[in-house]
Amino acid sequence: MFKKILLATTGSPASFGAARVAFDMAKRYGSEVTIFHVLGVPTKAFSQVVNDVRTGEEVEVDAEYISWVEEELKTTYAKQFAGAENAKIVITTGAPHREILREARNQDSDLIVMGASSGDNVKYHRGYPGSTLQKVAKAARCPVLTVHRESASYWGGFSSILFGTDFSKQAASAFKFALNTARELDCVLTIFHALDISGKVLDQTQIEENLIVARKRIRETYVPLMGDFKNYDIEVWEGAPYVEIVKLAREKQVDLIVMAHHTRELDAEKAKIGSTVEQVIVRANCPVVSVSKPDKV
């Protein structure tokens, strides 16, 4: 299921949670894990001088500097490397999102793991994931797992998965990934739809009728696809979708949230990460996987 994991990291504290999850998965599921670090963007074509992705300062990239960065990464993740039998470090230069996508393609990665922010200097009071994550999540051929803060990474494997759906075409790929993961790792799968009543005035009878319709739609849309898989339940709540997803995940002590990268019927090559996914990523107390394309689900 997770044979090859690509951990895209800056080595800053913002990526510690993602690293904890990636290494734990590698040890638990016997995966290969590549610690991938982009030094920075060359100041000129083929230049050895780059703008460091963390500090913005110009640094000259030579063999000695690359060796120093590699040792820094080994020191930073010393605890995680201990006992990791199949881990390696890859360092390169370039635009971070392009290099992450290129490396994922070259290695045929099954999963990209990232932090929601790129470094200490990025603040998230507004609640928006970083631009690198947004670009990677949109174009990645494999699912992208995000850990926003380290407190969301203290888990011991997958036992409960929450799949959030709005019944869009894009949600179908996310469901396949959630189902395959639940089936292979023997997890409980919760299929969840939040009836969006934000800014709407509905009486309780209307709400209850819509909840019944949504529950029926889940049974008609997803249950026939599960075959002999019976370890699932269905939940339909009303409210702001991202709030209800995060609340349910906490209530059920979910280990992983799976959602479509975007929800509207848009060209996947142009669609930005959905606002609901954004808010779930920055608020969830567990890792969140976004699925943009059906290639590796």
C-alpha atoms as a PDB file:
ATOM      1  CA  MET A   1       0.000   0.000   0.000  1.00  0.00           C
ATOM      2  CA  PHE A   2       2.728   2.451   0.988  1.00  0.00           C
ATOM      3  CA  LYS A   3       5.802   0.906  -0.615  1.00  0.00           C
ATOM      4  CA  LYS A   4       7.484   4.219  -1.404  1.00  0.00           C
ATOM      5  CA  ILE A   5       7.018   7.336   0.724  1.00  0.00           C
ATOM      6  CA  LEU A   6       8.482  10.711  -0.200  1.00  0.00           C
ATOM      7  CA  LEU A   7       8.966  13.007   2.804  1.00  0.00           C
ATOM      8  CA  ALA A   8       9.367  16.545   1.473  1.00  0.00           C
ATOM      9  CA  THR A   9      10.965  18.594   4.224  1.00  0.00           C
ATOM     10  CA  THR A  10      12.794  21.833   4.936  1.00  0.00           C
ATOM     11  CA  GLY A  11      14.276  20.370   8.106  1.00  0.00           C
ATOM     12  CA  SER A  12      12.579  23.095  10.161  1.00  0.00           C
ATOM     13  CA  PRO A  13      10.291  22.469  13.174  1.00  0.00           C
ATOM     14  CA  ALA A  14       7.319  23.073  10.857  1.00  0.00           C
ATOM     15  CA  SER A  15       8.042  19.693   9.252  1.00  0.00           C
ATOM     16  CA  PHE A  16       8.690  17.663  12.428  1.00  0.00           C
ATOM     17  CA  GLY A  17       5.141  16.308  12.608  1.00  0.00           C
ATOM     18  CA  ALA A  18       5.222  15.184   8.984  1.00  0.00           C
ATOM     19  CA  ALA A  19       8.596  13.493   9.557  1.00  0.00           C
ATOM     20  CA  ARG A  20       7.294  11.642  12.595  1.00  0.00           C
ATOM     21  CA  VAL A  21       4.378  10.244  10.579  1.00  0.00           C
ATOM     22  CA  ALA A  22       6.485   9.343   7.514  1.00  0.00           C
ATOM     23  CA  PHE A  23       9.102   7.451   9.516  1.00  0.00           C
ATOM     24  CA  ASP A  24       6.475   5.731  11.647  1.00  0.00           C
ATOM     25  CA  MET A  25       4.685   4.541   8.526  1.00  0.00           C
ATOM     26  CA  ALA A  26       7.962   3.336   7.001  1.00  0.00           C
ATOM     27  CA  LYS A  27       8.804   1.267  10.076  1.00  0.00           C
ATOM     28  CA  ARG A  28       5.277  -0.006  10.631  1.00  0.00           C
ATOM     29  CA  TYR A  29       4.477  -0.939   7.038  1.00  0.00           C
ATOM     30  CA  GLY A  30       7.958  -1.782   5.741  1.00  0.00           C
ATOM     31  CA  SER A  31       8.044   1.172   3.352  1.00  0.00           C
ATOM     32  CA  GLU A  32      10.960   2.892   1.664  1.00  0.00           C
ATOM     33  CA  VAL A  33      11.180   6.513   2.803  1.00  0.00           C
ATOM     34  CA  THR A  34      13.078   9.232   0.972  1.00  0.00           C
ATOM     35  CA  ILE A  35      13.871  12.406   2.899  1.00  0.00           C
ATOM     36  CA  PHE A  36      13.774  14.986   0.146  1.00  0.00           C
ATOM     37  CA  HIS A  37      15.141  18.481   0.630  1.00  0.00           C
ATOM     38  CA  VAL A  38      15.322  21.329  -1.874  1.00  0.00           C
ATOM     39  CA  LEU A  39      18.191  23.685  -1.017  1.00  0.00           C
ATOM     40  CA  GLY A  40      16.788  26.659  -2.878  1.00  0.00           C
ATOM     41  CA  VAL A  41      16.149  28.284  -6.230  1.00  0.00           C
ATOM     42  CA  PRO A  42      19.242  29.076  -8.342  1.00  0.00           C
ATOM     43  CA  THR A  43      19.736  32.829  -8.725  1.00  0.00           C
ATOM     44  CA  LYS A  44      20.550  32.290 -12.413  1.00  0.00           C
ATOM     45  CA  ALA A  45      20.214  29.381 -14.823  1.00  0.00           C
ATOM     46  CA  PHE A  46      22.635  26.591 -13.859  1.00  0.00           C
ATOM     47  CA  SER A  47      24.083  28.822 -11.144  1.00  0.00           C
ATOM     48  CA  GLN A  48      25.701  27.265  -8.068  1.00  0.00           C
ATOM     49  CA  VAL A  49      24.335  30.131  -5.979  1.00  0.00           C
ATOM     50  CA  VAL A  50      20.811  29.621  -4.643  1.00  0.00           C
ATOM     51  CA  ASN A  51      18.353  31.472  -2.455  1.00  0.00           C
ATOM     52  CA  ASP A  52      17.962  29.257   0.597  1.00  0.00           C
ATOM     53  CA  VAL A  53      14.320  28.116   0.976  1.00  0.00           C
ATOM     54  CA  ARG A  54      14.356  28.720   4.739  1.00  0.00           C
ATOM     55  CA  THR A  55      16.376  31.909   5.174  1.00  0.00           C
ATOM     56  CA  GLY A  56      16.137  33.518   1.742  1.00  0.00           C
ATOM     57  CA  GLU A  57      19.894  34.145   1.886  1.00  0.00           C
ATOM     58  CA  GLU A  58      22.183  33.433  -1.040  1.00  0.00           C
ATOM     59  CA  VAL A  59      24.411  30.392  -0.544  1.00  0.00           C
ATOM     60  CA  GLU A  60      26.928  28.712  -2.831  1.00  0.00           C
ATOM     61  CA  VAL A  61      26.112  25.071  -3.389  1.00  0.00           C
ATOM     62  CA  ASP A  62      29.107  22.769  -3.621  1.00  0.00           C
ATOM     63  CA  ALA A  63      29.883  19.234  -2.461  1.00  0.00           C
ATOM     64  CA  GLU A  64      30.938  20.465   0.980  1.00  0.00           C
ATOM     65  CA  TYR A  65      27.729  22.444   1.488  1.00  0.00           C
ATOM     66  CA  ILE A  66      25.527  19.529   0.370  1.00  0.00           C
ATOM     67  CA  SER A  67      27.405  17.207   2.732  1.00  0.00           C
ATOM     68  CA  TRP A  68      26.852  19.677   5.590  1.00  0.00           C
ATOM     69  CA  VAL A  69      23.109  19.885   4.866  1.00  0.00           C
ATOM     70  CA  GLU A  70      22.861  16.089   4.743  1.00  0.00           C
ATOM     71  CA  GLU A  71      24.534  15.795   8.142  1.00  0.00           C
ATOM     72  CA  GLU A  72      22.170  18.453   9.503  1.00  0.00           C
ATOM     73  CA  LEU A  73      19.179  16.443   8.311  1.00  0.00           C
ATOM     74  CA  LYS A  74      20.583  13.250   9.835  1.00  0.00           C
ATOM     75  CA  THR A  75      21.072  15.055  13.130  1.00  0.00           C
ATOM     76  CA  THR A  76      17.624  16.662  13.004  1.00  0.00           C
ATOM     77  CA  TYR A  77      15.933  13.298  12.406  1.00  0.00           C
ATOM     78  CA  ALA A  78      18.361  11.147  14.398  1.00  0.00           C
ATOM     79  CA  LYS A  79      15.590   9.529  16.472  1.00  0.00           C
ATOM     80  CA  GLN A  80      13.543   8.770  13.388  1.00  0.00           C
ATOM     81  CA  PHE A  81      16.513   7.292  11.509  1.00  0.00           C
ATOM     82  CA  ALA A  82      17.166   4.906  14.391  1.00  0.00           C
ATOM     83  CA  GLY A  83      15.571   1.637  13.355  1.00  0.00           C
ATOM     84  CA  ALA A  84      14.597   2.890   9.884  1.00  0.00           C
ATOM     85  CA  GLU A  85      16.008   0.155   7.662  1.00  0.00           C
ATOM     86  CA  ASN A  86      15.154   1.643   4.289  1.00  0.00           C
ATOM     87  CA  ALA A  87      15.651   5.411   4.481  1.00  0.00           C
ATOM     88  CA  LYS A  88      17.719   7.709   2.307  1.00  0.00           C
ATOM     89  CA  ILE A  89      18.316  11.422   1.836  1.00  0.00           C
ATOM     90  CA  VAL A  90      18.072  13.187  -1.524  1.00  0.00           C
ATOM     91  CA  ILE A  91      19.111  16.845  -1.853  1.00  0.00           C
ATOM     92  CA  THR A  92      18.670  19.059  -4.897  1.00  0.00           C
ATOM     93  CA  THR A  93      18.129  22.654  -6.014  1.00  0.00           C
ATOM     94  CA  GLY A  94      15.251  24.251  -7.863  1.00  0.00           C
ATOM     95  CA  ALA A  95      11.695  25.437  -7.287  1.00  0.00           C
ATOM     96  CA  PRO A  96      10.521  23.293  -4.333  1.00  0.00           C
ATOM     97  CA  HIS A  97       7.138  22.189  -5.697  1.00  0.00           C
ATOM     98  CA  ARG A  98       8.554  21.266  -9.114  1.00  0.00           C
ATOM     99  CA  GLU A  99      11.395  19.247  -7.628  1.00  0.00           C
ATOM    100  CA  ILE A 100       9.060  17.435  -5.205  1.00  0.00           C
ATOM    101  CA  LEU A 101       6.746  16.462  -8.059  1.00  0.00           C
ATOM    102  CA  ARG A 102       9.670  15.415 -10.249  1.00  0.00           C
ATOM    103  CA  GLU A 103      11.161  13.230  -7.512  1.00  0.00           C
ATOM    104  CA  ALA A 104       7.765  11.648  -6.778  1.00  0.00           C
ATOM    105  CA  ARG A 105       7.409  10.752 -10.456  1.00  0.00           C
ATOM    106  CA  ASN A 106      10.983   9.454 -10.747  1.00  0.00           C
ATOM    107  CA  GLN A 107      10.567   7.211  -7.713  1.00  0.00           C
ATOM    108  CA  ASP A 108       6.973   6.270  -8.520  1.00  0.00           C
ATOM    109  CA  SER A 109       6.056   7.269  -4.962  1.00  0.00           C
ATOM    110  CA  ASP A 110       2.835   5.953  -3.444  1.00  0.00           C
ATOM    111  CA  LEU A 111       2.515   8.853  -1.021  1.00  0.00           C
ATOM    112  CA  ILE A 112       3.987  12.337  -0.537  1.00  0.00           C
ATOM    113  CA  VAL A 113       4.203  13.497   3.083  1.00  0.00           C
ATOM    114  CA  MET A 114       4.547  17.211   3.881  1.00  0.00           C
ATOM    115  CA  GLY A 115       4.031  19.786   6.583  1.00  0.00           C
ATOM    116  CA  ALA A 116       1.424  22.439   5.896  1.00  0.00           C
ATOM    117  CA  SER A 117       4.009  25.206   6.168  1.00  0.00           C
ATOM    118  CA  SER A 118       7.492  25.520   4.764  1.00  0.00           C
ATOM    119  CA  GLY A 119       9.356  27.019   7.688  1.00  0.00           C
ATOM    120  CA  ASP A 120       9.381  28.879  10.999  1.00  0.00           C
ATOM    121  CA  ASN A 121       8.830  32.242   9.357  1.00  0.00           C
ATOM    122  CA  VAL A 122       5.451  31.210   7.922  1.00  0.00           C
ATOM    123  CA  LYS A 123       2.514  31.963  10.199  1.00  0.00           C
ATOM    124  CA  TYR A 124      -0.959  30.569   9.812  1.00  0.00           C
ATOM    125  CA  HIS A 125      -3.250  32.855  11.795  1.00  0.00           C
ATOM    126  CA  ARG A 126      -5.366  33.123   8.615  1.00  0.00           C
ATOM    127  CA  GLY A 127      -5.531  29.364   8.317  1.00  0.00           C
ATOM    128  CA  TYR A 128      -4.115  28.763   4.849  1.00  0.00           C
ATOM    129  CA  PRO A 129      -1.616  26.053   3.893  1.00  0.00           C
ATOM    130  CA  GLY A 130       1.661  27.127   2.291  1.00  0.00           C
ATOM    131  CA  SER A 131       2.021  27.736  -1.432  1.00  0.00           C
ATOM    132  CA  THR A 132       4.378  24.773  -1.933  1.00  0.00           C
ATOM    133  CA  LEU A 133       1.846  22.369  -0.437  1.00  0.00           C
ATOM    134  CA  GLN A 134      -0.953  23.843  -2.542  1.00  0.00           C
ATOM    135  CA  LYS A 135       1.052  23.444  -5.763  1.00  0.00           C
ATOM    136  CA  VAL A 136       2.164  19.906  -4.926  1.00  0.00           C
ATOM    137  CA  ALA A 137      -1.319  18.804  -3.851  1.00  0.00           C
ATOM    138  CA  LYS A 138      -2.842  20.083  -7.094  1.00  0.00           C
ATOM    139  CA  ALA A 139      -0.404  18.375  -9.460  1.00  0.00           C
ATOM    140  CA  ALA A 140       0.668  15.218  -7.594  1.00  0.00           C
ATOM    141  CA  ARG A 141      -0.182  11.900  -9.231  1.00  0.00           C
ATOM    142  CA  CYS A 142      -0.241  10.209  -5.831  1.00  0.00           C
ATOM    143  CA  PRO A 143      -2.101  11.168  -2.641  1.00  0.00           C
ATOM    144  CA  VAL A 144      -0.526  13.869  -0.455  1.00  0.00           C
ATOM    145  CA  LEU A 145      -0.536  13.440   3.326  1.00  0.00           C
ATOM    146  CA  THR A 146      -0.272  16.628   5.368  1.00  0.00           C
ATOM    147  CA  VAL A 147       0.500  17.191   9.034  1.00  0.00           C
ATOM    148  CA  HIS A 148      -0.055  20.781  10.109  1.00  0.00           C
ATOM    149  CA  ARG A 149       1.362  20.633  13.636  1.00  0.00           C
ATOM    150  CA  GLU A 150       3.373  18.152  15.634  1.00  0.00           C
ATOM    151  CA  SER A 151       0.503  17.423  18.036  1.00  0.00           C
ATOM    152  CA  ALA A 152      -1.365  15.882  15.084  1.00  0.00           C
ATOM    153  CA  SER A 153       1.410  13.331  14.565  1.00  0.00           C
ATOM    154  CA  TYR A 154       1.382  11.473  17.885  1.00  0.00           C
ATOM    155  CA  TRP A 155      -0.213   8.265  16.697  1.00  0.00           C
ATOM    156  CA  GLY A 156       0.647   4.611  16.377  1.00  0.00           C
ATOM    157  CA  GLY A 157      -0.563   3.535  12.962  1.00  0.00           C
ATOM    158  CA  PHE A 158      -3.948   3.528  11.268  1.00  0.00           C
ATOM    159  CA  SER A 159      -7.000   1.967  12.871  1.00  0.00           C
ATOM    160  CA  SER A 160      -9.752   4.461  12.032  1.00  0.00           C
ATOM    161  CA  ILE A 161     -10.189   6.447   8.799  1.00  0.00           C
ATOM    162  CA  LEU A 162     -12.655   9.236   8.093  1.00  0.00           C
ATOM    163  CA  PHE A 163     -13.620   9.857   4.467  1.00  0.00           C
ATOM    164  CA  GLY A 164     -15.366  13.189   3.913  1.00  0.00           C
ATOM    165  CA  THR A 165     -17.473  13.493   0.769  1.00  0.00           C
ATOM    166  CA  ASP A 166     -19.631  16.018  -1.023  1.00  0.00           C
ATOM    167  CA  PHE A 167     -20.559  13.417  -3.697  1.00  0.00           C
ATOM    168  CA  SER A 168     -18.488  15.208  -6.353  1.00  0.00           C
ATOM    169  CA  LYS A 169     -16.682  13.377  -9.143  1.00  0.00           C
ATOM    170  CA  GLN A 170     -13.369  14.181  -7.448  1.00  0.00           C
ATOM    171  CA  ALA A 171     -14.504  12.477  -4.251  1.00  0.00           C
ATOM    172  CA  ALA A 172     -14.623   9.122  -6.051  1.00  0.00           C
ATOM    173  CA  SER A 173     -10.820   8.881  -6.206  1.00  0.00           C
ATOM    174  CA  ALA A 174     -10.504   9.887  -2.562  1.00  0.00           C
ATOM    175  CA  PHE A 175     -12.996   7.170  -1.633  1.00  0.00           C
ATOM    176  CA  LYS A 176     -10.994   4.531  -3.506  1.00  0.00           C
ATOM    177  CA  PHE A 177      -7.876   5.506  -1.585  1.00  0.00           C
ATOM    178  CA  ALA A 178      -9.734   5.509   1.756  1.00  0.00           C
ATOM    179  CA  LEU A 179     -11.337   2.125   1.054  1.00  0.00           C
ATOM    180  CA  ASN A 180      -8.106   0.506  -0.169  1.00  0.00           C
ATOM    181  CA  THR A 181      -6.251   1.754   2.904  1.00  0.00           C
ATOM    182  CA  ALA A 182      -8.989   0.601   5.292  1.00  0.00           C
ATOM    183  CA  ARG A 183      -9.203  -2.791   3.624  1.00  0.00           C
ATOM    184  CA  GLU A 184      -5.461  -3.452   3.514  1.00  0.00           C
ATOM    185  CA  LEU A 185      -4.680  -2.147   7.005  1.00  0.00           C
ATOM    186  CA  ASP A 186      -7.852  -3.485   8.643  1.00  0.00           C
ATOM    187  CA  CYS A 187      -9.236  -0.091   9.660  1.00  0.00           C
ATOM    188  CA  VAL A 188     -12.694   1.145  10.510  1.00  0.00           C
ATOM    189  CA  LEU A 189     -13.912   3.396   7.692  1.00  0.00           C
ATOM    190  CA  THR A 190     -16.381   6.178   8.422  1.00  0.00           C
ATOM    191  CA  ILE A 191     -18.101   7.679   5.384  1.00  0.00           C
ATOM    192  CA  PHE A 192     -19.181  11.195   6.274  1.00  0.00           C
ATOM    193  CA  HIS A 193     -21.177  13.951   4.626  1.00  0.00           C
ATOM    194  CA  ALA A 194     -21.738  17.361   6.186  1.00  0.00           C
ATOM    195  CA  LEU A 195     -24.951  19.034   5.071  1.00  0.00           C
ATOM    196  CA  ASP A 196     -23.786  22.610   4.527  1.00  0.00           C
ATOM    197  CA  ILE A 197     -26.287  24.962   6.138  1.00  0.00           C
ATOM    198  CA  SER A 198     -23.881  27.895   6.421  1.00  0.00           C
ATOM    199  CA  GLY A 199     -25.785  31.113   5.788  1.00  0.00           C
ATOM    200  CA  LYS A 200     -29.035  29.257   5.122  1.00  0.00           C
ATOM    201  CA  VAL A 201     -32.300  29.461   6.992  1.00  0.00           C
ATOM    202  CA  LEU A 202     -33.910  26.020   7.148  1.00  0.00           C
ATOM    203  CA  ASP A 203     -36.468  24.677   9.577  1.00  0.00           C
ATOM    204  CA  GLN A 204     -35.663  21.455  11.381  1.00  0.00           C
ATOM    205  CA  THR A 205     -38.011  19.409   9.201  1.00  0.00           C
ATOM    206  CA  GLN A 206     -36.144  20.483   6.064  1.00  0.00           C
ATOM    207  CA  ILE A 207     -32.803  19.693   7.680  1.00  0.00           C
ATOM    208  CA  GLU A 208     -33.914  16.229   8.762  1.00  0.00           C
ATOM    209  CA  GLU A 209     -35.335  15.467   5.311  1.00  0.00           C
ATOM    210  CA  ASN A 210     -32.045  16.514   3.690  1.00  0.00           C
ATOM    211  CA  LEU A 211     -30.073  14.374   6.141  1.00  0.00           C
ATOM    212  CA  ILE A 212     -32.172  11.342   5.214  1.00  0.00           C
ATOM    213  CA  VAL A 213     -31.574  12.019   1.502  1.00  0.00           C
ATOM    214  CA  ALA A 214     -27.798  12.345   2.067  1.00  0.00           C
ATOM    215  CA  ARG A 215     -27.615   9.119   4.065  1.00  0.00           C
ATOM    216  CA  LYS A 216     -29.516   7.294   1.310  1.00  0.00           C
ATOM    217  CA  ARG A 217     -27.182   8.756  -1.290  1.00  0.00           C
ATOM    218  CA  ILE A 218     -24.126   7.460   0.590  1.00  0.00           C
ATOM    219  CA  ARG A 219     -25.624   3.965   0.645  1.00  0.00           C
ATOM    220  CA  GLU A 220     -26.397   4.111  -3.065  1.00  0.00           C
ATOM    221  CA  THR A 221     -23.068   5.687  -4.111  1.00  0.00           C
ATOM    222  CA  TYR A 222     -20.398   4.055  -1.970  1.00  0.00           C
ATOM    223  CA  VAL A 223     -21.711   0.908  -0.297  1.00  0.00           C
ATOM    224  CA  PRO A 224     -22.054  -1.064  -3.588  1.00  0.00           C
ATOM    225  CA  LEU A 225     -18.346  -0.370  -4.253  1.00  0.00           C
ATOM    226  CA  MET A 226     -17.156  -1.974  -1.007  1.00  0.00           C
ATOM    227  CA  GLY A 227     -17.868  -5.600  -1.853  1.00  0.00           C
ATOM    228  CA  ASP A 228     -17.248  -7.785   1.180  1.00  0.00           C
ATOM    229  CA  PHE A 229     -15.789  -4.945   3.263  1.00  0.00           C
ATOM    230  CA  LYS A 230     -18.151  -4.535   6.238  1.00  0.00           C
ATOM    231  CA  ASN A 231     -16.041  -2.587   8.734  1.00  0.00           C
ATOM    232  CA  TYR A 232     -17.652   0.773   8.032  1.00  0.00           C
ATOM    233  CA  ASP A 233     -20.224   3.186   9.350  1.00  0.00           C
ATOM    234  CA  ILE A 234     -22.085   6.182   7.900  1.00  0.00           C
ATOM    235  CA  GLU A 235     -22.483   9.595   9.478  1.00  0.00           C
ATOM    236  CA  VAL A 236     -24.397  12.615   8.164  1.00  0.00           C
ATOM    237  CA  TRP A 237     -24.412  15.872  10.153  1.00  0.00           C
ATOM    238  CA  GLU A 238     -25.473  19.425   9.426  1.00  0.00           C
ATOM    239  CA  GLY A 239     -23.241  22.475   9.839  1.00  0.00           C
ATOM    240  CA  ALA A 240     -20.126  24.058   8.344  1.00  0.00           C
ATOM    241  CA  PRO A 241     -18.394  21.112   6.622  1.00  0.00           C
ATOM    242  CA  TYR A 242     -14.840  21.689   7.878  1.00  0.00           C
ATOM    243  CA  VAL A 243     -16.075  22.192  11.448  1.00  0.00           C
ATOM    244  CA  GLU A 244     -18.131  19.009  11.405  1.00  0.00           C
ATOM    245  CA  ILE A 245     -15.327  16.941   9.843  1.00  0.00           C
ATOM    246  CA  VAL A 246     -12.849  18.047  12.517  1.00  0.00           C
ATOM    247  CA  LYS A 247     -15.411  17.499  15.297  1.00  0.00           C
ATOM    248  CA  LEU A 248     -16.272  13.989  14.117  1.00  0.00           C
ATOM    249  CA  ALA A 249     -12.597  13.082  13.721  1.00  0.00           C
ATOM    250  CA  ARG A 250     -11.971  14.065  17.333  1.00  0.00           C
ATOM    251  CA  GLU A 251     -15.069  12.303  18.611  1.00  0.00           C
ATOM    252  CA  LYS A 252     -14.154   9.044  16.860  1.00  0.00           C
ATOM    253  CA  GLN A 253     -10.420   9.394  17.570  1.00  0.00           C
ATOM    254  CA  VAL A 254      -9.720   9.081  13.871  1.00  0.00           C
ATOM    255  CA  ASP A 255      -6.121   8.420  12.752  1.00  0.00           C
ATOM    256  CA  LEU A 256      -6.485   9.710   9.199  1.00  0.00           C
ATOM    257  CA  ILE A 257      -8.835  12.023   7.299  1.00  0.00           C
ATOM    258  CA  VAL A 258      -9.180  11.489   3.537  1.00  0.00           C
ATOM    259  CA  MET A 259     -10.722  14.078   1.228  1.00  0.00           C
ATOM    260  CA  ALA A 260     -10.727  15.102  -2.427  1.00  0.00           C
ATOM    261  CA  HIS A 261      -8.247  17.859  -3.283  1.00  0.00           C
ATOM    262  CA  HIS A 262     -11.077  19.979  -4.657  1.00  0.00           C
ATOM    263  CA  THR A 263     -14.801  19.503  -4.824  1.00  0.00           C
ATOM    264  CA  ARG A 264     -16.243  21.478  -7.714  1.00  0.00           C
ATOM    265  CA  GLU A 265     -16.362  19.951 -11.188  1.00  0.00           C
ATOM    266  CA  LEU A 266     -13.172  21.622 -12.380  1.00  0.00           C
ATOM    267  CA  ASP A 267     -10.212  20.633 -14.510  1.00  0.00           C
ATOM    268  CA  ALA A 268      -7.861  18.977 -12.016  1.00  0.00           C
ATOM    269  CA  GLU A 269      -4.894  20.688 -13.666  1.00  0.00           C
ATOM    270  CA  LYS A 270      -6.340  24.121 -12.827  1.00  0.00           C
ATOM    271  CA  ALA A 271      -8.281  23.583  -9.598  1.00  0.00           C
ATOM    272  CA  LYS A 272      -6.897  25.039  -6.390  1.00  0.00           C
ATOM    273  CA  ILE A 273      -7.112  23.112  -3.143  1.00  0.00           C
ATOM    274  CA  GLY A 274     -10.648  23.340  -1.783  1.00  0.00           C
ATOM    275  CA  SER A 275     -11.420  25.707   1.081  1.00  0.00           C
ATOM    276  CA  THR A 276     -12.874  22.891   3.184  1.00  0.00           C
ATOM    277  CA  VAL A 277      -9.703  20.807   2.780  1.00  0.00           C
ATOM    278  CA  GLU A 278      -7.595  23.867   3.665  1.00  0.00           C
ATOM    279  CA  GLN A 279      -9.438  24.405   6.903  1.00  0.00           C
ATOM    280  CA  VAL A 280      -9.415  20.707   7.819  1.00  0.00           C
ATOM    281  CA  ILE A 281      -5.643  20.535   7.266  1.00  0.00           C
ATOM    282  CA  VAL A 282      -4.873  23.424   9.610  1.00  0.00           C
ATOM    283  CA  ARG A 283      -7.373  22.352  12.311  1.00  0.00           C
ATOM    284  CA  ALA A 284      -7.359  18.539  12.382  1.00  0.00           C
ATOM    285  CA  ASN A 285      -5.696  16.647  15.213  1.00  0.00           C
ATOM    286  CA  CYS A 286      -4.546  13.888  12.844  1.00  0.00           C
ATOM    287  CA  PRO A 287      -2.906  13.663   9.395  1.00  0.00           C
ATOM    288  CA  VAL A 288      -5.007  14.628   6.373  1.00  0.00           C
ATOM    289  CA  VAL A 289      -4.704  13.083   2.908  1.00  0.00           C
ATOM    290  CA  SER A 290      -5.855  14.980  -0.181  1.00  0.00           C
ATOM    291  CA  VAL A 291      -6.373  13.080  -3.422  1.00  0.00           C
ATOM    292  CA  SER A 292      -6.283  15.068  -6.645  1.00  0.00           C
ATOM    293  CA  LYS A 293      -5.941  12.422  -9.361  1.00  0.00           C
ATOM    294  CA  PRO A 294      -6.933   8.761  -9.663  1.00  0.00           C
ATOM    295  CA  ASP A 295      -3.508   7.541 -10.815  1.00  0.00           C
ATOM    296  CA  LYS A 296      -2.276   5.858  -7.629  1.00  0.00           C
ATOM    297  CA  VAL A 297      -5.252   5.244  -5.360  1.00  0.00           C
END
